[in-house]
Protein backbone atom coordinates (compact mmCIF):
# COMPACT_ATOMS: atom_id res chain seq x y z
CA UNK A 1 70.85 100.85 81.22
CA UNK A 2 72.50 98.68 78.55
CA UNK A 3 75.79 96.83 78.03
CA UNK A 4 78.49 97.88 75.58
CA UNK A 5 80.48 95.57 73.37
CA UNK A 6 83.10 95.19 76.09
CA UNK A 7 80.55 94.29 78.71
CA UNK A 8 80.37 97.78 80.28
CA UNK A 9 76.97 99.21 81.18
CA UNK A 10 76.11 102.51 79.47
CA UNK A 11 73.35 104.79 80.70
CA UNK A 12 70.55 105.86 78.35
CA UNK A 13 71.88 109.43 78.26
CA UNK A 14 75.11 108.15 76.69
CA UNK A 15 73.21 106.39 73.92
CA UNK A 16 71.21 109.53 73.22
CA UNK A 17 74.43 111.54 73.04
CA UNK A 18 75.93 109.13 70.50
CA UNK A 19 72.80 109.38 68.33
CA UNK A 20 72.91 113.19 68.39
CA UNK A 21 76.56 113.15 67.31
CA UNK A 22 75.73 110.88 64.35
CA UNK A 23 72.92 113.17 63.28
CA UNK A 24 75.16 116.23 63.50
CA UNK A 25 77.78 114.45 61.36
CA UNK A 26 75.15 113.72 58.74
CA UNK A 27 73.97 117.34 58.85
CA UNK A 28 77.44 118.71 58.17
CA UNK A 29 77.60 116.60 54.97
CA UNK A 30 74.47 118.20 53.44
CA UNK A 31 76.20 120.70 51.18
CA UNK A 32 79.05 118.37 50.14
CA UNK A 33 76.65 115.56 49.20
CA UNK A 34 74.42 117.90 47.24
CA UNK A 35 77.34 119.31 45.30
CA UNK A 36 78.61 115.81 44.43
CA UNK A 37 75.19 114.87 43.07
CA UNK A 38 75.00 117.89 40.74
CA UNK A 39 77.82 116.81 38.42
CA UNK A 40 75.91 113.92 36.85
CA UNK A 41 72.82 116.06 36.30
CA UNK A 42 74.71 118.95 34.76
CA UNK A 43 76.31 116.62 32.20
CA UNK A 44 72.86 115.99 30.75
CA UNK A 45 71.39 112.90 29.06
CA UNK A 46 73.50 111.85 26.08
CA UNK A 47 71.33 110.57 23.24
CA UNK A 48 73.41 108.03 21.31
CA UNK A 49 70.77 107.62 18.59
CA UNK A 50 72.44 110.04 16.20
CA UNK A 51 72.69 107.74 13.18
CA UNK A 52 70.23 107.27 10.29
CA UNK A 53 66.56 106.70 11.10
CA UNK A 54 65.68 103.06 10.38
CA UNK A 55 62.30 101.39 10.62
CA UNK A 56 61.97 97.81 11.78
CA UNK A 57 61.59 96.58 8.20
CA UNK A 58 64.68 98.55 7.16
CA UNK A 59 66.75 96.71 9.76
CA UNK A 60 65.26 93.37 8.70
CA UNK A 61 66.16 94.01 5.06
CA UNK A 62 69.69 94.98 6.02
CA UNK A 63 70.09 91.85 8.12
CA UNK A 64 68.86 89.56 5.33
CA UNK A 65 71.33 91.15 2.92
CA UNK A 66 74.14 90.98 5.48
CA UNK A 67 73.69 87.35 6.63
CA UNK A 68 76.42 85.08 5.24
CA UNK A 69 74.73 81.98 6.62
CA UNK A 70 71.53 82.76 4.74
CA UNK A 71 73.53 83.18 1.54
CA UNK A 72 75.12 79.78 2.16
CA UNK A 73 71.68 78.16 2.54
CA UNK A 74 70.54 79.86 -0.66
CA UNK A 75 73.57 78.51 -2.50
CA UNK A 76 72.75 75.00 -1.29
CA UNK A 77 69.26 75.37 -2.76
CA UNK A 78 70.68 76.48 -6.10
CA UNK A 79 73.07 73.52 -6.15
CA UNK A 80 70.19 71.13 -5.51
CA UNK A 81 68.11 72.77 -8.26
CA UNK A 82 70.93 72.36 -10.78
CA UNK A 83 71.30 68.70 -9.81
CA UNK A 84 67.56 68.30 -10.29
CA UNK A 85 67.95 69.42 -13.90
CA UNK A 86 70.35 66.54 -14.55
CA UNK A 87 68.32 63.90 -12.75
CA UNK A 88 66.09 61.32 -14.40
CA UNK A 89 67.70 61.61 -17.85
CA UNK A 90 68.70 58.83 -20.23
CA UNK A 91 72.34 57.87 -20.04
CA UNK A 92 74.59 58.59 -22.99
CA UNK A 93 75.27 55.66 -25.35
CA UNK A 94 78.59 53.80 -25.52
CA UNK A 95 80.60 53.72 -28.75
CA UNK A 96 81.98 50.19 -29.21
CA UNK A 97 84.77 49.12 -31.60
CA UNK A 98 85.70 45.46 -32.14
CA UNK A 99 88.35 43.59 -34.17
CA UNK A 100 90.68 46.57 -34.19
CA UNK A 101 94.35 45.56 -33.79
CA UNK A 102 97.88 46.38 -34.94
CA UNK A 103 97.43 43.81 -37.73
CA UNK A 104 95.27 46.34 -39.50
CA UNK A 105 98.38 48.50 -39.76
CA UNK A 106 100.98 45.85 -40.66
CA UNK A 107 98.88 43.67 -42.97
CA UNK A 108 96.21 46.09 -44.03
CA UNK A 109 92.58 46.39 -43.10
CA UNK A 110 90.78 43.06 -42.68
CA UNK A 111 87.58 43.52 -40.69
CA UNK A 112 86.06 45.77 -38.04
CA UNK A 113 82.87 46.09 -36.06
CA UNK A 114 81.44 49.43 -34.82
CA UNK A 115 78.34 49.86 -32.70
CA UNK A 116 76.36 51.95 -30.17
CA UNK A 117 75.10 50.52 -26.89
CA UNK A 118 72.41 52.13 -24.72
CA UNK A 119 71.66 51.18 -21.15
CA UNK A 120 67.89 51.39 -20.72
CA UNK A 121 66.58 52.58 -17.34
CA UNK A 122 64.41 50.23 -15.37
CA UNK A 123 60.70 50.82 -15.12
CA UNK A 124 60.10 53.62 -12.57
CA UNK A 125 63.83 54.33 -12.14
CA UNK A 126 63.77 57.77 -13.75
CA UNK A 127 60.69 58.85 -11.76
CA UNK A 128 62.30 57.71 -8.51
CA UNK A 129 65.56 59.51 -9.29
CA UNK A 130 63.71 62.69 -10.24
CA UNK A 131 61.64 62.64 -7.06
CA UNK A 132 64.74 62.05 -4.92
CA UNK A 133 66.30 65.17 -6.43
CA UNK A 134 63.09 67.08 -5.71
CA UNK A 135 63.22 65.97 -2.06
CA UNK A 136 66.82 67.14 -1.84
CA UNK A 137 65.71 70.58 -3.03
CA UNK A 138 63.00 70.84 -0.40
CA UNK A 139 65.28 69.68 2.39
CA UNK A 140 67.55 72.60 1.61
CA UNK A 141 64.62 74.95 1.07
CA UNK A 142 63.28 74.15 4.53
CA UNK A 143 66.67 75.00 6.03
CA UNK A 144 66.81 78.26 4.12
CA UNK A 145 63.22 79.36 4.72
CA UNK A 146 63.12 78.52 8.42
CA UNK A 147 66.50 80.09 9.05
CA UNK A 148 65.37 83.26 7.28
CA UNK A 149 62.17 83.34 9.33
CA UNK A 150 64.18 82.73 12.49
CA UNK A 151 66.60 85.51 11.58
CA UNK A 152 63.76 87.93 10.87
CA UNK A 153 62.11 87.05 14.18
CA UNK A 154 65.40 87.55 16.04
CA UNK A 155 65.95 90.95 14.41
CA UNK A 156 62.42 92.10 15.21
CA UNK A 157 62.78 90.94 18.82
CA UNK A 158 66.09 92.79 19.12
CA UNK A 159 64.54 95.90 17.60
CA UNK A 160 61.77 95.86 20.23
CA UNK A 161 64.35 95.30 22.97
CA UNK A 162 66.47 98.23 21.79
CA UNK A 163 63.40 100.48 21.85
CA UNK A 164 62.74 99.41 25.44
CA UNK A 165 66.31 100.08 26.61
CA UNK A 166 66.42 103.41 24.77
CA UNK A 167 63.31 104.45 26.66
CA UNK A 168 64.55 103.08 29.97
CA UNK A 169 67.93 104.82 29.65
CA UNK A 170 66.18 108.16 29.22
CA UNK A 171 63.77 107.40 32.07
CA UNK A 172 66.66 106.36 34.30
CA UNK A 173 68.31 109.71 33.67
CA UNK A 174 65.07 111.53 34.51
CA UNK A 175 64.90 109.59 37.74
CA UNK A 176 68.47 110.64 38.63
CA UNK A 177 67.46 114.27 38.07
CA UNK A 178 64.36 113.88 40.26
CA UNK A 179 66.26 112.10 43.00
CA UNK A 180 68.83 114.89 42.98
CA UNK A 181 66.02 117.43 43.29
CA UNK A 182 64.57 115.42 46.17
CA UNK A 183 67.84 115.74 48.09
CA UNK A 184 67.71 119.52 47.74
CA UNK A 185 64.03 119.60 48.72
CA UNK A 186 64.46 117.42 51.80
CA UNK A 187 67.57 119.37 52.82
CA UNK A 188 65.49 122.55 52.94
CA UNK A 189 62.67 120.79 54.79
CA UNK A 190 65.10 119.43 57.37
CA UNK A 191 66.49 122.91 57.95
CA UNK A 192 62.92 124.17 58.48
CA UNK A 193 62.16 121.28 60.80
CA UNK A 194 59.50 119.73 58.54
CA UNK A 195 61.47 116.50 58.04
CA UNK A 196 63.97 114.60 60.13
CA UNK A 197 67.53 113.80 59.17
CA UNK A 198 66.39 110.22 58.46
CA UNK A 199 64.56 111.40 55.35
CA UNK A 200 67.72 113.04 54.05
CA UNK A 201 69.70 109.83 54.57
CA UNK A 202 67.05 107.85 52.68
CA UNK A 203 67.07 110.43 49.88
CA UNK A 204 70.82 109.97 49.45
CA UNK A 205 70.35 106.19 49.31
CA UNK A 206 67.63 106.53 46.69
CA UNK A 207 69.80 108.87 44.67
CA UNK A 208 72.73 106.45 44.77
CA UNK A 209 70.41 103.66 43.65
CA UNK A 210 69.10 105.79 40.77
CA UNK A 211 72.63 106.49 39.54
CA UNK A 212 73.38 102.77 39.65
CA UNK A 213 70.20 102.04 37.69
CA UNK A 214 71.15 104.67 35.14
CA UNK A 215 74.60 103.15 34.66
CA UNK A 216 73.10 99.69 34.16
CA UNK A 217 70.51 101.06 31.72
CA UNK A 218 73.23 102.72 29.62
CA UNK A 219 75.27 99.52 29.68
CA UNK A 220 72.33 97.35 28.59
CA UNK A 221 71.40 99.86 25.91
CA UNK A 222 74.90 99.72 24.46
CA UNK A 223 75.05 95.91 24.59
CA UNK A 224 71.77 95.31 22.76
CA UNK A 225 72.54 97.99 20.19
CA UNK A 226 75.97 96.57 19.44
CA UNK A 227 74.50 93.06 19.23
CA UNK A 228 71.86 94.18 16.72
CA UNK A 229 74.45 96.13 14.73
CA UNK A 230 76.72 93.08 14.55
CA UNK A 231 73.90 90.84 13.38
CA UNK A 232 72.44 93.23 10.79
CA UNK A 233 75.40 95.33 9.68
CA UNK A 234 73.73 98.65 10.62
CA UNK A 235 75.19 101.47 12.68
CA UNK A 236 75.05 101.02 16.45
CA UNK A 237 73.92 104.67 16.70
CA UNK A 238 70.95 104.29 14.34
CA UNK A 239 67.69 105.93 15.42
CA UNK A 240 64.68 103.62 15.63
CA UNK A 241 60.99 104.33 15.16
CA UNK A 242 58.40 103.52 17.83
CA UNK A 243 55.12 102.49 16.17
CA UNK A 244 51.81 101.10 17.32
CA UNK A 245 51.89 97.31 17.58
CA UNK A 246 49.25 95.53 15.45
CA UNK A 247 46.85 92.91 16.74
CA UNK A 248 46.09 89.54 15.17
CA UNK A 249 42.41 89.36 14.22
CA UNK A 250 42.31 85.70 13.15
CA UNK A 251 41.18 83.04 15.59
CA UNK A 252 43.23 79.99 16.53
CA UNK A 253 41.74 77.67 13.88
CA UNK A 254 42.44 80.18 11.13
CA UNK A 255 46.02 80.63 12.34
CA UNK A 256 46.58 76.87 12.36
CA UNK A 257 45.24 76.65 8.81
CA UNK A 258 47.53 79.49 7.77
CA UNK A 259 50.51 77.74 9.38
CA UNK A 260 49.77 74.50 7.54
CA UNK A 261 49.76 76.46 4.28
CA UNK A 262 52.93 78.45 5.01
CA UNK A 263 55.26 76.17 6.91
CA UNK A 264 57.72 74.57 4.43
CA UNK A 265 57.93 71.37 6.50
CA UNK A 266 54.50 70.39 5.17
CA UNK A 267 55.65 70.52 1.55
CA UNK A 268 58.81 68.60 2.44
CA UNK A 269 56.95 65.74 4.08
CA UNK A 270 54.55 65.60 1.11
CA UNK A 271 57.50 65.30 -1.24
CA UNK A 272 58.92 62.54 0.94
CA UNK A 273 55.61 60.68 0.82
CA UNK A 274 55.64 60.95 -2.97
CA UNK A 275 59.21 59.62 -2.99
CA UNK A 276 58.22 56.66 -0.83
CA UNK A 277 55.37 55.84 -3.24
CA UNK A 278 57.67 56.04 -6.27
CA UNK A 279 60.28 53.89 -4.54
CA UNK A 280 57.62 51.30 -3.82
CA UNK A 281 56.45 51.36 -7.46
CA UNK A 282 60.05 51.05 -8.62
CA UNK A 283 60.62 47.95 -6.50
CA UNK A 284 57.37 46.37 -7.67
CA UNK A 285 58.15 47.00 -11.36
CA UNK A 286 61.42 45.10 -11.01
CA UNK A 287 59.37 41.88 -11.18
CA UNK A 288 58.40 42.65 -14.78
CA UNK A 289 60.77 41.51 -17.56
CA UNK A 290 62.30 44.61 -19.05
CA UNK A 291 65.05 45.37 -21.60
CA UNK A 292 68.35 46.05 -19.90
CA UNK A 293 70.26 47.36 -22.89
CA UNK A 294 70.10 47.63 -26.66
CA UNK A 295 73.09 47.58 -28.99
CA UNK A 296 73.22 48.34 -32.71
CA UNK A 297 76.44 47.50 -34.56
CA UNK A 298 77.79 47.37 -38.11
CA UNK A 299 80.30 44.73 -39.37
CA UNK A 300 82.70 45.26 -42.29
CA UNK A 301 84.98 42.49 -43.80
CA UNK A 302 87.35 43.32 -46.67
CA UNK A 303 88.24 39.88 -48.07
CA UNK A 304 84.78 38.37 -47.84
CA UNK A 305 83.20 41.52 -49.24
CA UNK A 306 80.38 41.23 -46.74
CA UNK A 307 78.97 43.98 -44.54
CA UNK A 308 76.01 43.58 -42.22
CA UNK A 309 74.22 45.25 -39.33
CA UNK A 310 73.25 43.67 -36.02
CA UNK A 311 70.91 44.50 -33.14
CA UNK A 312 71.46 42.99 -29.70
CA UNK A 313 68.79 43.30 -27.00
CA UNK A 314 69.37 42.34 -23.36
CA UNK A 315 66.30 41.55 -21.23
CA UNK A 316 66.38 41.25 -17.45
CA UNK A 317 64.30 38.26 -16.31
CA UNK A 318 63.13 38.17 -12.65
CA UNK A 319 63.58 34.45 -12.28
CA UNK A 320 65.79 33.97 -9.22
CA UNK A 321 64.86 37.14 -7.27
CA UNK A 322 61.28 38.36 -7.01
CA UNK A 323 62.33 41.34 -4.82
CA UNK A 324 59.78 40.54 -2.09
CA UNK A 325 61.92 41.99 0.72
CA UNK A 326 62.39 45.38 -0.90
CA UNK A 327 58.72 45.56 -1.78
CA UNK A 328 57.66 44.95 1.82
CA UNK A 329 60.26 47.45 3.05
CA UNK A 330 59.04 50.21 0.75
CA UNK A 331 55.41 49.42 1.63
CA UNK A 332 56.23 49.98 5.28
CA UNK A 333 58.27 53.09 4.46
CA UNK A 334 55.33 54.63 2.58
CA UNK A 335 53.01 54.06 5.55
CA UNK A 336 55.65 55.53 7.87
CA UNK A 337 55.87 58.68 5.79
CA UNK A 338 52.11 59.14 6.01
CA UNK A 339 52.45 58.94 9.79
CA UNK A 340 55.20 61.55 9.67
CA UNK A 341 52.85 63.91 7.87
CA UNK A 342 50.33 63.64 10.71
CA UNK A 343 53.14 64.11 13.24
CA UNK A 344 54.39 67.27 11.50
CA UNK A 345 50.89 68.72 11.39
CA UNK A 346 50.39 67.95 15.06
CA UNK A 347 53.73 69.52 15.96
CA UNK A 348 52.92 72.70 14.03
CA UNK A 349 49.49 72.92 15.61
CA UNK A 350 51.05 72.63 19.08
CA UNK A 351 53.57 75.38 18.28
CA UNK A 352 50.86 77.73 17.03
CA UNK A 353 48.57 76.93 19.94
CA UNK A 354 51.30 77.64 22.51
CA UNK A 355 52.43 80.85 20.79
CA UNK A 356 48.82 82.00 20.46
CA UNK A 357 48.14 81.36 24.16
CA UNK A 358 51.15 83.42 25.20
CA UNK A 359 50.23 86.13 22.70
CA UNK A 360 46.63 86.44 23.96
CA UNK A 361 47.80 86.58 27.57
CA UNK A 362 50.34 89.33 26.91
CA UNK A 363 47.92 91.19 24.61
CA UNK A 364 45.42 91.37 27.45
CA UNK A 365 48.16 92.44 29.85
CA UNK A 366 49.39 95.11 27.42
CA UNK A 367 45.95 96.56 26.65
CA UNK A 368 44.86 96.66 30.30
CA UNK A 369 48.10 98.09 31.60
CA UNK A 370 48.33 100.62 28.77
CA UNK A 371 44.86 101.93 29.60
CA UNK A 372 45.61 101.91 33.31
CA UNK A 373 49.02 103.55 32.82
CA UNK A 374 47.69 106.32 30.59
CA UNK A 375 44.99 107.10 33.14
CA UNK A 376 47.43 106.92 36.05
CA UNK A 377 49.99 109.16 34.37
CA UNK A 378 47.32 111.70 33.41
CA UNK A 379 45.86 111.78 36.94
CA UNK A 380 49.28 111.93 38.57
CA UNK A 381 50.36 114.77 36.32
CA UNK A 382 47.19 116.67 37.18
CA UNK A 383 47.86 116.22 40.90
CA UNK A 384 51.46 117.34 40.45
CA UNK A 385 50.44 120.48 38.57
CA UNK A 386 47.77 121.39 41.12
CA UNK A 387 50.08 120.69 44.05
CA UNK A 388 52.78 122.92 42.60
CA UNK A 389 50.26 125.67 41.92
CA UNK A 390 48.32 125.60 45.19
CA UNK A 391 50.87 123.96 47.54
CA UNK A 392 48.35 121.38 48.73
CA UNK A 393 51.07 118.70 49.17
CA UNK A 394 54.46 118.67 50.76
CA UNK A 395 57.27 119.15 48.17
CA UNK A 396 58.69 115.66 48.70
CA UNK A 397 55.22 114.15 48.23
CA UNK A 398 54.95 115.92 44.89
CA UNK A 399 58.34 114.43 44.01
CA UNK A 400 57.00 110.95 44.86
CA UNK A 401 54.17 111.47 42.39
CA UNK A 402 56.64 112.47 39.65
CA UNK A 403 58.79 109.41 40.38
CA UNK A 404 55.66 107.24 40.21
CA UNK A 405 55.05 108.54 36.68
CA UNK A 406 58.61 107.57 35.69
CA UNK A 407 58.25 104.07 37.19
CA UNK A 408 54.94 103.58 35.36
CA UNK A 409 56.51 104.62 32.06
CA UNK A 410 59.32 102.14 32.65
CA UNK A 411 56.84 99.32 33.27
CA UNK A 412 54.96 100.39 30.15
CA UNK A 413 58.10 100.00 28.03
CA UNK A 414 58.64 96.50 29.45
CA UNK A 415 55.05 95.49 28.75
CA UNK A 416 55.37 96.70 25.17
CA UNK A 417 58.58 94.71 24.68
CA UNK A 418 56.98 91.55 26.08
CA UNK A 419 53.93 91.91 23.86
CA UNK A 420 56.10 92.58 20.79
CA UNK A 421 58.12 89.43 21.47
CA UNK A 422 54.93 87.35 21.82
CA UNK A 423 53.60 88.74 18.53
CA UNK A 424 56.88 87.97 16.75
CA UNK A 425 56.98 84.43 18.18
CA UNK A 426 53.47 83.90 16.82
CA UNK A 427 54.63 85.04 13.38
CA UNK A 428 57.46 82.51 13.48
CA UNK A 429 55.16 79.68 14.59
CA UNK A 430 52.79 80.44 11.71
CA UNK A 431 55.61 80.71 9.20
CA UNK A 432 55.30 84.37 8.22
CA UNK A 433 57.74 87.26 8.55
CA UNK A 434 55.50 90.32 8.88
CA UNK A 435 51.93 91.33 9.66
CA UNK A 436 51.08 92.25 6.07
CA UNK A 437 51.02 88.55 5.15
CA UNK A 438 47.78 88.20 7.12
CA UNK A 439 46.11 90.41 4.50
CA UNK A 440 47.04 87.93 1.78
CA UNK A 441 45.49 85.15 3.84
CA UNK A 442 42.25 87.13 4.25
CA UNK A 443 42.10 87.89 0.51
CA UNK A 444 42.64 84.22 -0.36
CA UNK A 445 40.00 83.12 2.14
CA UNK A 446 37.50 85.60 0.70
CA UNK A 447 38.08 84.41 -2.87
CA UNK A 448 37.58 80.80 -1.82
């Protein structure tokens, strides 16, 4: 005996009767549910990759050509290079005229003085100005190079992600087909008494879940494809090529050495150190007497019939100001720049070390799972073929094996995407854009 919601006591026979009615209601919906599930399968999987076939490098090249921000950075570099050409040069001389007045017009020419005056640069001034322009170039080069490497890494990551979602969309459709077949199989088994109505209810739930997964997979596939197309200027329906992912053969120390050679921040900080040294020399040389200007002039007087030339030389004498404060400041600045060099090297080493650790972990995961997955899929397919041929398993058990193969393939696509991202992140940390640049490093190391 049990109590109902309203407090009434119902006998066990009543509860059994209610359960039987529910089962009968589910049974009457067999054919209608099966027919509703056929429509999605009959429509077939729609392959949206109908555009041109593009490799990963093709998409990268298109993105580099399409990027307006990269072009802006490149223009900044060109501007700095043009300014460098005009830096550190001697200033143009001044043309000076003296004793020129309206009296020369009203009373006739009397006298006049004409001369040229040059401002002489201080000792070390031209070198300091030239080095400052060189630093400006490298500041803009670092922005351009690192942004380009970041853009390439982002495109490669997106390419790997699109490949994963393309594969998962197709696998999700295959799962919908299999789940629809399972409903038909379990319906027949229920009619024969080999399975209860509970199995049919679960099959409908699994089928509904598979359709939801398929819809999400199609949505994600479209989103990542449109995002990559917007960033690179390619067609959103382009077909991509799935290739074997390479492995990095260099050890951690070799990768750190390669990063120090390739990362543009190292060259920038070296140029800044050189600038600090030249600024210090410039401030020290200010204590030496040095010509400030030189002027050569020519005098002409009509009535005295005398013409003569004159040279005037101005010399700056460090009498009142020995520039001690600026010298100490530039001394400290030079030492600070040397510390910045060590800090940049340490930062790059940490980036490479972290990226390498993640890469090695996901490489191991990818290799192990790939081997395991290939073996599992092969064994499962063998069992499925034998079961269908000799009927050694129940039909729904065979279906479970086929769904296991699909789930394993889905996991395999995710593992590949994760490993590809780790490999690309390692490229970016080292300061390279593609795997072929490792070959140049090996050739250079061999020659040394």
